[in-house]
Amino acid sequence: MFGWEFPPHITGGLGTACFGMTKGLLKNGVEVLFVVPKAYGDESQEAVRLINASDVTIDIRKAEQQDFWKNITYLEVNSSLVPYVGPEAFDNLIEKGEAYFNWAEESIYNARYTFSGKYGTNLLEEVSRYALVGAQIASESQFDLIHAHDWLTYPAGIAAKKASGKPLVVHMHATEFDRSGENVNQQVYDIERQGMEAADRVITVSNLTRNIVIERYGINPDKVITVHNAVEPTDRSDFEHIEKHVPEKVVTFLGRVTFQKGPEYFIEAAYKVLQRDPNVRFVMAGTGDLLEKMIRRVAQLHIATKFHFTGFLRGENVDRMFAMSDVYVMPSVSEPFGISPLEAMRSNVPVVISKQSGVAEVLQHALKVDFWDIDAMADAIYALLRYNSLSSVFSKYGASEVDNLKWENAARLIRDVYEQV
């Protein structure tokens, strides 16, 4: 399996999904060899300490996860892929890098090379280097099939298939249309399409994404299969008694502050709610290229005393934020799935989600609005804050609903896909 992040070494939902998925696969009798690049910059470097191809040392905070780690082989590829950024943003990150890659020869296609673990010259070269290493690992390892997650790893999946002759399954968690709207990066689009064309099966995280794959990429519908994401169970009692230290109700947005996630609609809806009820605080948790713009907009609307920017949250801080929240909002413009509402509901928090999200296909106990309809969004937030009977119903039945969305069940469907190829 090729991915580019894995807890606690994550920057977003993909790493969380890979973690739950691999645990679920192991419960279904599938052993996973997980190949991950080591990224620097906005990645946490405390996450992985690689020993060799069959042994990993990692901080395990909970005893029940130890059996899982004993059964998963975790490889680290010293590359510098930075998740969720396009080539232009990656070029900006490179300028801050301390050093560049040292190569035995100049061509990235040479068989001999040495990674320094620092930033390379551009993202697409990194994808190529990762593919070369992936092919090498595939030629030396024993396995039955290849599973690659999202576009950065598709070339590695293709290379591994060529090197080993094994079948390839690619997993589409987000398309270039989700990330960029209609202003797609052609090179990224081409990589996505090549990966899906080379694959024996394509797994999409929602029917919304499946339709995009078929209609916008021209992929044969017969090999595109939807498997909805799930959520890891948690012990809610760990965070039941956390104090907010503020008297107001708390409404939370948690995600990347980017075009795809619709943060501006959250702010406009917050302004409308505060006009009606000033006893509310809004939290935007996350980082992204729109963060400065969002801070300026909050200042322009004169709601800064009721609005908090926390920066990126991970691990227990996410659960702690949900424990302090009265409503969670995911106003995504285009969300292939969206695990964060499940995490909120798992913490008994009622949610408002956009209709333009894959998770809307599986959730019944969530208020659903169009991302652009800030009046409807504000109404939904206000209703959940003011009408206790409404919020209690969504909290109770939402938590029960999410308890049934287990990775073990999703992994069983993924194993069925494996069996097909």
Protein backbone atom coordinates (compact mmCIF):
# COMPACT_ATOMS: atom_id res chain seq x y z
CA MET A 1 0.00 0.00 0.00
CA PHE A 2 1.34 3.41 -1.03
CA GLY A 3 0.32 6.50 0.96
CA TRP A 4 2.00 9.72 1.93
CA GLU A 5 0.97 10.09 5.56
CA PHE A 6 0.03 7.89 8.48
CA PRO A 7 -0.89 8.79 12.07
CA PRO A 8 0.48 10.35 14.07
CA HIS A 9 2.35 11.71 11.04
CA ILE A 10 -0.62 13.47 9.41
CA THR A 11 -1.78 16.79 8.00
CA GLY A 12 -5.36 15.87 7.13
CA GLY A 13 -8.07 13.29 6.72
CA LEU A 14 -6.20 10.94 4.38
CA GLY A 15 -3.77 9.78 7.05
CA THR A 16 -6.67 9.19 9.42
CA ALA A 17 -8.48 7.19 6.75
CA CYS A 18 -5.40 5.08 5.98
CA PHE A 19 -4.98 4.30 9.68
CA GLY A 20 -8.56 3.13 10.13
CA MET A 21 -8.56 1.29 6.82
CA THR A 22 -5.40 -0.72 7.53
CA LYS A 23 -6.63 -1.64 11.02
CA GLY A 24 -9.89 -2.78 9.46
CA LEU A 25 -8.07 -4.79 6.78
CA LEU A 26 -6.00 -6.59 9.39
CA LYS A 27 -9.21 -7.59 11.17
CA ASN A 28 -10.32 -9.03 7.83
CA GLY A 29 -7.16 -11.10 7.47
CA VAL A 30 -5.20 -8.78 5.19
CA GLU A 31 -1.54 -8.05 5.95
CA VAL A 32 -0.41 -4.60 4.84
CA LEU A 33 3.03 -3.44 3.72
CA PHE A 34 2.60 0.34 4.00
CA VAL A 35 5.05 2.53 2.09
CA VAL A 36 5.14 6.20 3.09
CA PRO A 37 7.43 9.09 2.10
CA LYS A 38 9.03 11.09 4.88
CA ALA A 39 7.87 14.66 4.42
CA TYR A 40 9.32 17.76 6.06
CA GLY A 41 7.80 21.21 6.60
CA ASP A 42 4.24 20.98 7.83
CA GLU A 43 4.58 17.30 8.76
CA SER A 44 5.31 16.17 12.30
CA GLN A 45 8.68 14.45 12.38
CA GLU A 46 8.04 12.79 15.73
CA ALA A 47 5.74 10.29 14.07
CA VAL A 48 7.97 7.64 12.51
CA ARG A 49 11.25 6.07 13.52
CA LEU A 50 12.14 3.57 10.85
CA ILE A 51 14.23 0.53 11.65
CA ASN A 52 13.79 -1.75 8.65
CA ALA A 53 11.17 -3.11 6.24
CA SER A 54 9.56 -5.36 8.80
CA ASP A 55 9.97 -3.46 12.05
CA VAL A 56 8.93 0.01 13.14
CA THR A 57 9.25 1.88 16.40
CA ILE A 58 6.52 4.46 16.99
CA ASP A 59 4.90 6.14 19.96
CA ILE A 60 1.89 4.01 20.87
CA ARG A 61 -0.22 5.72 23.50
CA LYS A 62 -2.90 3.08 23.75
CA ALA A 63 -2.18 -0.55 24.54
CA GLU A 64 -4.89 -1.91 22.25
CA GLN A 65 -3.03 -0.61 19.21
CA GLN A 66 0.11 -2.63 19.91
CA ASP A 67 -1.17 -5.81 18.24
CA PHE A 68 -1.96 -3.73 15.16
CA TRP A 69 1.57 -2.36 14.96
CA LYS A 70 3.05 -5.84 15.34
CA ASN A 71 1.21 -6.95 12.21
CA ILE A 72 1.81 -4.02 9.89
CA THR A 73 5.09 -3.54 8.07
CA TYR A 74 5.90 0.13 7.77
CA LEU A 75 8.47 1.44 5.30
CA GLU A 76 9.74 5.00 5.16
CA VAL A 77 10.87 6.48 1.86
CA ASN A 78 13.08 9.52 2.37
CA SER A 79 11.32 11.93 0.07
CA SER A 80 9.89 15.40 0.53
CA LEU A 81 6.29 15.16 -0.56
CA VAL A 82 4.18 17.73 1.22
CA PRO A 83 0.50 16.75 1.30
CA TYR A 84 -2.31 18.95 0.00
CA VAL A 85 -0.18 21.49 -1.86
CA GLY A 86 0.06 21.97 -5.60
CA PRO A 87 3.29 22.56 -7.54
CA GLU A 88 3.17 26.37 -7.16
CA ALA A 89 2.71 26.28 -3.39
CA PHE A 90 5.41 23.61 -3.17
CA ASP A 91 7.87 25.92 -4.98
CA ASN A 92 7.27 28.51 -2.25
CA LEU A 93 8.01 25.93 0.43
CA ILE A 94 11.23 24.91 -1.29
CA GLU A 95 12.66 28.41 -0.89
CA LYS A 96 12.60 27.87 2.87
CA GLY A 97 14.39 24.51 2.60
CA GLU A 98 17.85 24.14 4.08
CA ALA A 99 19.28 21.94 1.36
CA TYR A 100 18.47 20.09 -1.83
CA PHE A 101 18.77 16.48 -2.84
CA ASN A 102 22.22 15.08 -3.53
CA TRP A 103 22.22 12.79 -6.52
CA ALA A 104 24.86 10.36 -7.73
CA GLU A 105 24.03 11.61 -11.21
CA GLU A 106 21.79 14.46 -12.36
CA SER A 107 18.95 12.47 -13.94
CA ILE A 108 16.08 11.52 -11.62
CA TYR A 109 15.74 8.32 -13.62
CA ASN A 110 19.15 6.93 -12.65
CA ALA A 111 19.14 3.72 -10.68
CA ARG A 112 21.58 5.08 -8.11
CA TYR A 113 20.72 8.09 -6.03
CA THR A 114 20.90 9.37 -2.47
CA PHE A 115 18.18 11.24 -0.64
CA SER A 116 19.27 13.88 1.85
CA GLY A 117 15.75 14.10 3.28
CA LYS A 118 15.48 17.82 2.46
CA TYR A 119 13.40 19.68 -0.10
CA GLY A 120 13.74 18.91 -3.79
CA THR A 121 13.30 21.34 -6.65
CA ASN A 122 9.65 20.65 -7.45
CA LEU A 123 6.77 18.43 -6.42
CA LEU A 124 6.49 16.48 -9.66
CA GLU A 125 10.13 15.40 -9.46
CA GLU A 126 9.38 14.15 -5.96
CA VAL A 127 6.50 12.08 -7.34
CA SER A 128 8.90 10.55 -9.88
CA ARG A 129 11.51 9.76 -7.25
CA TYR A 130 8.90 8.18 -5.02
CA ALA A 131 7.80 6.03 -7.97
CA LEU A 132 11.36 4.82 -8.53
CA VAL A 133 11.72 3.78 -4.92
CA GLY A 134 8.27 2.20 -5.01
CA ALA A 135 9.30 0.06 -7.98
CA GLN A 136 12.44 -1.03 -6.15
CA ILE A 137 10.48 -2.01 -3.04
CA ALA A 138 7.93 -3.89 -5.16
CA SER A 139 10.66 -5.89 -6.88
CA GLU A 140 12.12 -6.98 -3.54
CA SER A 141 8.94 -7.64 -1.50
CA GLN A 142 6.43 -10.47 -1.34
CA PHE A 143 2.81 -9.37 -1.75
CA ASP A 144 -0.39 -10.13 -3.68
CA LEU A 145 -1.53 -6.74 -4.89
CA ILE A 146 -0.82 -2.99 -4.83
CA HIS A 147 -3.09 -0.31 -3.35
CA ALA A 148 -2.21 3.36 -4.00
CA HIS A 149 -3.85 6.38 -2.32
CA ASP A 150 -4.42 9.63 -4.26
CA TRP A 151 -2.41 11.19 -7.07
CA LEU A 152 0.98 11.60 -5.39
CA THR A 153 1.30 7.82 -5.11
CA TYR A 154 -0.30 6.75 -8.41
CA PRO A 155 3.02 6.79 -10.34
CA ALA A 156 4.52 4.62 -7.58
CA GLY A 157 1.59 2.24 -7.93
CA ILE A 158 2.03 2.05 -11.70
CA ALA A 159 5.79 1.51 -11.34
CA ALA A 160 5.23 -1.20 -8.73
CA LYS A 161 2.75 -2.94 -11.04
CA LYS A 162 5.25 -2.90 -13.90
CA ALA A 163 8.04 -4.15 -11.65
CA SER A 164 6.04 -6.96 -10.08
CA GLY A 165 3.23 -7.82 -12.48
CA LYS A 166 0.80 -7.64 -9.57
CA PRO A 167 -2.69 -6.11 -9.89
CA LEU A 168 -3.16 -2.45 -8.95
CA VAL A 169 -6.03 -0.85 -7.00
CA VAL A 170 -6.04 2.95 -6.76
CA HIS A 171 -8.05 4.85 -4.17
CA MET A 172 -9.49 8.24 -5.09
CA HIS A 173 -9.95 10.27 -1.92
CA ALA A 174 -10.11 13.65 -3.71
CA THR A 175 -9.92 14.68 -7.36
CA GLU A 176 -8.22 17.72 -8.81
CA PHE A 177 -11.70 19.16 -9.40
CA ASP A 178 -12.35 18.96 -5.65
CA ARG A 179 -9.12 20.78 -4.84
CA SER A 180 -9.15 23.40 -7.58
CA GLY A 181 -12.67 23.71 -8.94
CA GLU A 182 -12.55 24.20 -12.69
CA ASN A 183 -9.02 25.67 -12.58
CA VAL A 184 -7.38 22.26 -12.61
CA ASN A 185 -3.64 21.68 -12.75
CA GLN A 186 -3.29 19.74 -16.01
CA GLN A 187 -0.26 17.75 -14.87
CA VAL A 188 -2.02 16.58 -11.72
CA TYR A 189 -5.15 15.73 -13.72
CA ASP A 190 -3.03 13.70 -16.17
CA ILE A 191 -1.39 11.76 -13.32
CA GLU A 192 -4.78 11.00 -11.79
CA ARG A 193 -6.15 9.80 -15.12
CA GLN A 194 -3.07 7.67 -15.90
CA GLY A 195 -3.27 6.06 -12.47
CA MET A 196 -6.93 5.17 -12.85
CA GLU A 197 -6.46 3.90 -16.41
CA ALA A 198 -3.58 1.67 -15.32
CA ALA A 199 -5.50 0.33 -12.32
CA ASP A 200 -7.43 -2.92 -12.31
CA ARG A 201 -9.95 -1.33 -9.94
CA VAL A 202 -10.64 2.22 -8.74
CA ILE A 203 -12.11 2.73 -5.26
CA THR A 204 -13.91 6.04 -4.67
CA VAL A 205 -14.94 7.31 -1.25
CA SER A 206 -18.44 8.35 -2.38
CA ASN A 207 -20.82 8.15 -5.32
CA LEU A 208 -20.21 11.88 -5.75
CA THR A 209 -16.54 11.13 -6.45
CA ARG A 210 -17.41 8.07 -8.53
CA ASN A 211 -19.47 10.23 -10.88
CA ILE A 212 -16.60 12.71 -11.27
CA VAL A 213 -14.16 9.87 -12.02
CA ILE A 214 -16.45 8.46 -14.71
CA GLU A 215 -17.66 11.72 -16.26
CA ARG A 216 -14.59 13.97 -15.99
CA TYR A 217 -11.83 11.38 -16.42
CA GLY A 218 -13.56 8.93 -18.77
CA ILE A 219 -12.87 5.88 -16.61
CA ASN A 220 -14.79 2.67 -17.34
CA PRO A 221 -17.71 2.54 -14.84
CA ASP A 222 -17.35 -1.25 -14.52
CA LYS A 223 -14.09 -0.91 -12.60
CA VAL A 224 -15.06 2.04 -10.35
CA ILE A 225 -16.43 0.94 -6.96
CA THR A 226 -17.63 3.13 -4.08
CA VAL A 227 -16.58 2.28 -0.54
CA HIS A 228 -17.60 4.97 1.94
CA ASN A 229 -15.13 5.94 4.64
CA ALA A 230 -15.72 5.24 8.32
CA VAL A 231 -14.48 6.47 11.68
CA GLU A 232 -12.41 4.98 14.50
CA PRO A 233 -14.30 4.40 17.76
CA THR A 234 -13.17 6.44 20.74
CA ASP A 235 -13.70 6.53 24.48
CA ARG A 236 -15.95 9.57 24.85
CA SER A 237 -15.53 9.57 28.63
CA ASP A 238 -11.95 10.84 28.23
CA PHE A 239 -13.22 14.29 27.28
CA GLU A 240 -16.63 14.55 28.95
CA HIS A 241 -15.54 16.93 31.70
CA ILE A 242 -13.46 19.39 29.69
CA GLU A 243 -14.25 23.01 30.54
CA LYS A 244 -14.77 25.60 27.83
CA HIS A 245 -13.80 28.52 30.10
CA VAL A 246 -16.26 30.70 28.18
CA PRO A 247 -19.97 31.10 28.93
CA GLU A 248 -21.07 31.20 25.28
CA LYS A 249 -22.03 28.33 22.99
CA VAL A 250 -19.20 27.21 20.66
CA VAL A 251 -19.52 26.53 16.92
CA THR A 252 -16.53 24.88 15.23
CA PHE A 253 -15.04 24.56 11.74
CA LEU A 254 -12.16 22.07 11.59
CA GLY A 255 -10.27 21.45 8.37
CA ARG A 256 -7.83 22.90 5.87
CA VAL A 257 -8.49 26.60 5.31
CA THR A 258 -8.62 26.22 1.53
CA PHE A 259 -11.04 26.78 -1.34
CA GLN A 260 -12.29 23.19 -1.17
CA LYS A 261 -13.39 23.46 2.48
CA GLY A 262 -15.50 26.63 2.10
CA PRO A 263 -14.19 28.58 5.14
CA GLU A 264 -15.53 31.90 3.83
CA TYR A 265 -19.11 30.58 3.94
CA PHE A 266 -18.61 29.61 7.58
CA ILE A 267 -17.51 33.16 8.41
CA GLU A 268 -20.44 34.78 6.57
CA ALA A 269 -22.88 32.46 8.34
CA ALA A 270 -21.20 33.24 11.68
CA TYR A 271 -21.77 36.95 11.09
CA LYS A 272 -25.48 36.34 10.46
CA VAL A 273 -25.84 34.19 13.61
CA LEU A 274 -24.09 36.82 15.74
CA GLN A 275 -26.51 39.50 14.52
CA ARG A 276 -29.30 37.43 16.08
CA ASP A 277 -27.47 35.95 19.06
CA PRO A 278 -24.23 37.55 20.31
CA ASN A 279 -23.71 34.83 22.94
CA VAL A 280 -21.89 32.51 20.56
CA ARG A 281 -18.21 31.93 19.84
CA PHE A 282 -16.94 30.57 16.53
CA VAL A 283 -13.73 28.58 16.09
CA MET A 284 -11.81 28.00 12.87
CA ALA A 285 -9.31 25.19 13.48
CA GLY A 286 -6.81 24.55 10.72
CA THR A 287 -4.30 26.15 8.40
CA GLY A 288 -4.21 26.76 4.67
CA ASP A 289 -3.61 29.28 1.92
CA LEU A 290 -6.83 31.22 2.70
CA LEU A 291 -6.08 31.69 6.41
CA GLU A 292 -4.85 35.30 6.18
CA LYS A 293 -7.79 36.23 3.98
CA MET A 294 -10.19 34.70 6.50
CA ILE A 295 -8.58 36.61 9.40
CA ARG A 296 -8.95 39.85 7.45
CA ARG A 297 -12.61 39.10 6.69
CA VAL A 298 -13.37 38.46 10.38
CA ALA A 299 -11.76 41.83 11.19
CA GLN A 300 -13.78 43.59 8.49
CA LEU A 301 -17.01 42.18 9.91
CA HIS A 302 -16.02 43.32 13.44
CA ILE A 303 -16.61 39.87 14.94
CA ALA A 304 -13.02 39.17 16.04
CA THR A 305 -13.97 39.18 19.74
CA LYS A 306 -16.26 36.24 19.00
CA PHE A 307 -14.02 34.38 16.58
CA HIS A 308 -10.95 32.21 17.29
CA PHE A 309 -8.27 30.82 14.98
CA THR A 310 -6.50 27.87 16.60
CA GLY A 311 -4.13 26.75 13.86
CA PHE A 312 -3.73 23.08 12.96
CA LEU A 313 -5.00 20.59 15.56
CA ARG A 314 -4.09 16.91 15.74
CA GLY A 315 -4.69 13.88 17.92
CA GLU A 316 -6.24 14.50 21.31
CA ASN A 317 -6.56 18.23 20.63
CA VAL A 318 -9.16 17.43 17.96
CA ASP A 319 -11.22 15.41 20.46
CA ARG A 320 -10.77 18.18 23.04
CA MET A 321 -12.07 20.78 20.56
CA PHE A 322 -15.11 18.65 19.75
CA ALA A 323 -15.77 18.19 23.48
CA MET A 324 -16.00 21.99 23.83
CA SER A 325 -18.24 22.39 20.76
CA ASP A 326 -22.01 22.73 20.68
CA VAL A 327 -22.28 22.60 16.87
CA TYR A 328 -19.87 21.44 14.16
CA VAL A 329 -20.05 22.85 10.62
CA MET A 330 -18.49 21.44 7.42
CA PRO A 331 -19.36 23.90 4.62
CA SER A 332 -17.22 22.22 1.93
CA VAL A 333 -17.56 23.38 -1.66
CA SER A 334 -16.59 19.94 -2.92
CA GLU A 335 -15.94 17.19 -0.38
CA PRO A 336 -15.34 13.67 -1.72
CA PHE A 337 -16.27 12.27 1.68
CA GLY A 338 -15.44 14.19 4.89
CA ILE A 339 -14.48 12.25 8.02
CA SER A 340 -14.57 15.22 10.41
CA PRO A 341 -18.40 15.26 10.81
CA LEU A 342 -18.21 11.61 11.86
CA GLU A 343 -15.58 12.50 14.45
CA ALA A 344 -17.81 15.31 15.74
CA MET A 345 -20.90 13.10 15.91
CA ARG A 346 -18.83 10.44 17.67
CA SER A 347 -18.33 13.12 20.36
CA ASN A 348 -22.11 13.77 20.58
CA VAL A 349 -21.86 17.06 18.66
CA PRO A 350 -24.70 17.83 16.21
CA VAL A 351 -23.44 18.72 12.74
CA VAL A 352 -24.29 20.92 9.77
CA ILE A 353 -22.81 19.64 6.50
CA SER A 354 -22.90 20.75 2.89
CA LYS A 355 -24.97 18.78 0.42
CA GLN A 356 -21.86 18.83 -1.78
CA SER A 357 -20.15 16.17 0.33
CA GLY A 358 -19.88 12.41 0.07
CA VAL A 359 -20.62 11.92 3.76
CA ALA A 360 -24.10 13.36 3.11
CA GLU A 361 -24.82 10.10 1.27
CA VAL A 362 -24.52 8.02 4.44
CA LEU A 363 -25.65 10.36 7.24
CA GLN A 364 -29.30 10.69 8.21
CA HIS A 365 -28.94 12.65 11.46
CA ALA A 366 -27.19 15.76 10.14
CA LEU A 367 -28.58 19.07 8.90
CA LYS A 368 -27.66 19.41 5.20
CA VAL A 369 -27.43 22.72 3.34
CA ASP A 370 -25.94 23.95 0.06
CA PHE A 371 -22.48 25.36 0.79
CA TRP A 372 -23.33 28.66 -0.89
CA ASP A 373 -26.59 29.20 1.03
CA ILE A 374 -25.27 31.12 4.04
CA ASP A 375 -28.81 31.98 5.15
CA ALA A 376 -29.73 28.29 5.41
CA MET A 377 -26.40 27.57 7.10
CA ALA A 378 -26.97 30.32 9.65
CA ASP A 379 -30.54 29.08 10.25
CA ALA A 380 -29.28 25.52 10.86
CA ILE A 381 -26.58 26.70 13.29
CA TYR A 382 -29.04 28.96 15.13
CA ALA A 383 -31.63 26.18 15.40
CA LEU A 384 -29.16 23.70 16.89
CA LEU A 385 -27.93 26.33 19.36
CA ARG A 386 -31.34 27.56 20.49
CA TYR A 387 -33.66 24.54 20.37
CA ASN A 388 -32.44 21.99 22.87
CA SER A 389 -34.81 19.26 21.80
CA LEU A 390 -33.50 19.48 18.23
CA SER A 391 -29.83 19.37 19.21
CA SER A 392 -30.39 16.52 21.69
CA VAL A 393 -32.10 14.38 19.03
CA PHE A 394 -29.26 14.95 16.55
CA SER A 395 -26.63 14.32 19.25
CA LYS A 396 -28.19 11.09 20.46
CA TYR A 397 -29.09 9.48 17.16
CA GLY A 398 -26.06 10.92 15.36
CA ALA A 399 -23.67 9.25 17.80
CA SER A 400 -25.57 5.96 17.44
CA GLU A 401 -25.49 6.24 13.65
CA VAL A 402 -21.74 6.82 13.56
CA ASP A 403 -21.09 3.86 15.86
CA ASN A 404 -22.32 1.65 13.02
CA LEU A 405 -19.95 3.20 10.44
CA LYS A 406 -16.97 1.00 11.31
CA TRP A 407 -13.72 0.69 9.36
CA GLU A 408 -13.95 -3.05 9.83
CA ASN A 409 -17.08 -3.07 7.66
CA ALA A 410 -15.58 -0.74 5.04
CA ALA A 411 -12.43 -2.89 4.96
CA ARG A 412 -14.54 -5.96 4.26
CA LEU A 413 -15.79 -4.26 1.09
CA ILE A 414 -12.23 -3.28 0.16
CA ARG A 415 -11.14 -6.88 0.62
CA ASP A 416 -13.96 -7.88 -1.78
CA VAL A 417 -12.38 -5.55 -4.35
CA TYR A 418 -9.01 -7.22 -3.73
CA GLU A 419 -10.58 -10.63 -4.29
CA GLN A 420 -11.95 -9.47 -7.66
CA VAL A 421 -8.46 -8.79 -8.99
